[in-house]
Amino acid sequence: MANSAISVTGLRVVRGGREVVRDIGFATPRGRITGLLGPSGCGKTTLMRSIVGVQIVAAGEVTVLDHPAGSPPLRRLIGYATQNPAIYADLTITEALRYFASVLRAPMSDVDRVIGEVGLADHAGKLVGALSGGQHSRANLAVALLGKPELLVLDEPTVGLDPVLRDELWALFRRLAEGGATLLVSSHVMDEAARCDRLLLMREGRILADDTPAGLRERTGTTDLEQAFLRLVRETEVSPS
């Protein structure tokens, strides 16, 4: 699809002898927030790893910002925040971000910027190992924001956060999109779906729907996106694809 940040065609991933991503295809628009929603274990993380280029795939094509997934030119264009933060526990937040900024060749001025954006300015001198779960997740997100990447792939970035912090991060995501960035944000919390411009609803390795929130409501005749998802699940069970 023209003007797509991510284009996926016929993607299959097999892990441990089990097909966890089943012949899926979609395209995500640039400069928008696309939500990847579905229950835990449905294949969201595997799909995101395929997009970032760190997952071995059995079949299919994944194109990201006009390059094959995993291509060297993409390394500075993608920010990736995993579910399990991988930052050094014996460094302070500032030290850890300075390290990653040097690896990514991002300006050192980015460090203070991203610490502020994720709401950790008051904890910048705190050891990563002493952070709470929510603070750890936000520090991990800060790493992904270094260098102002064109595409942000965020795997459950709001898990474990209280409602106020979740709201603040979604406001940040919206500002980033308005500034031209493209975001792919996974979640298993359906009330976050309405904050996205487009939704990919996933279950058991398949994409059940690829539409706007308004389009999904109209298609399913519901006003609640969680009910829309449940209706799509029931339709699939009655008429399996």
Foldseek 3Di string as FASTA:
>chain_A
DPQFQKWKAQWWAADPNRTLAGGETDTHHWLFEEEEEEDPSNCPQVVLCCQQPNGDTPDIFMAGNNHTHPDPVCLLQEQEQDPDADFDQAAFLLVRLCVLCVVSVFDSVLSCVLCVLLPNNVRRRPGLNPDDPLVVLSSSVSSSPTNLHQEYEYEASCPPHDPVSVVSVLVSVNVSSVVTHYYYYYDHDQVCLLSTQWYFYTGSNYTLDTGGPVVLCVVQVHPGRVVSSVSSVVVCVVPPD
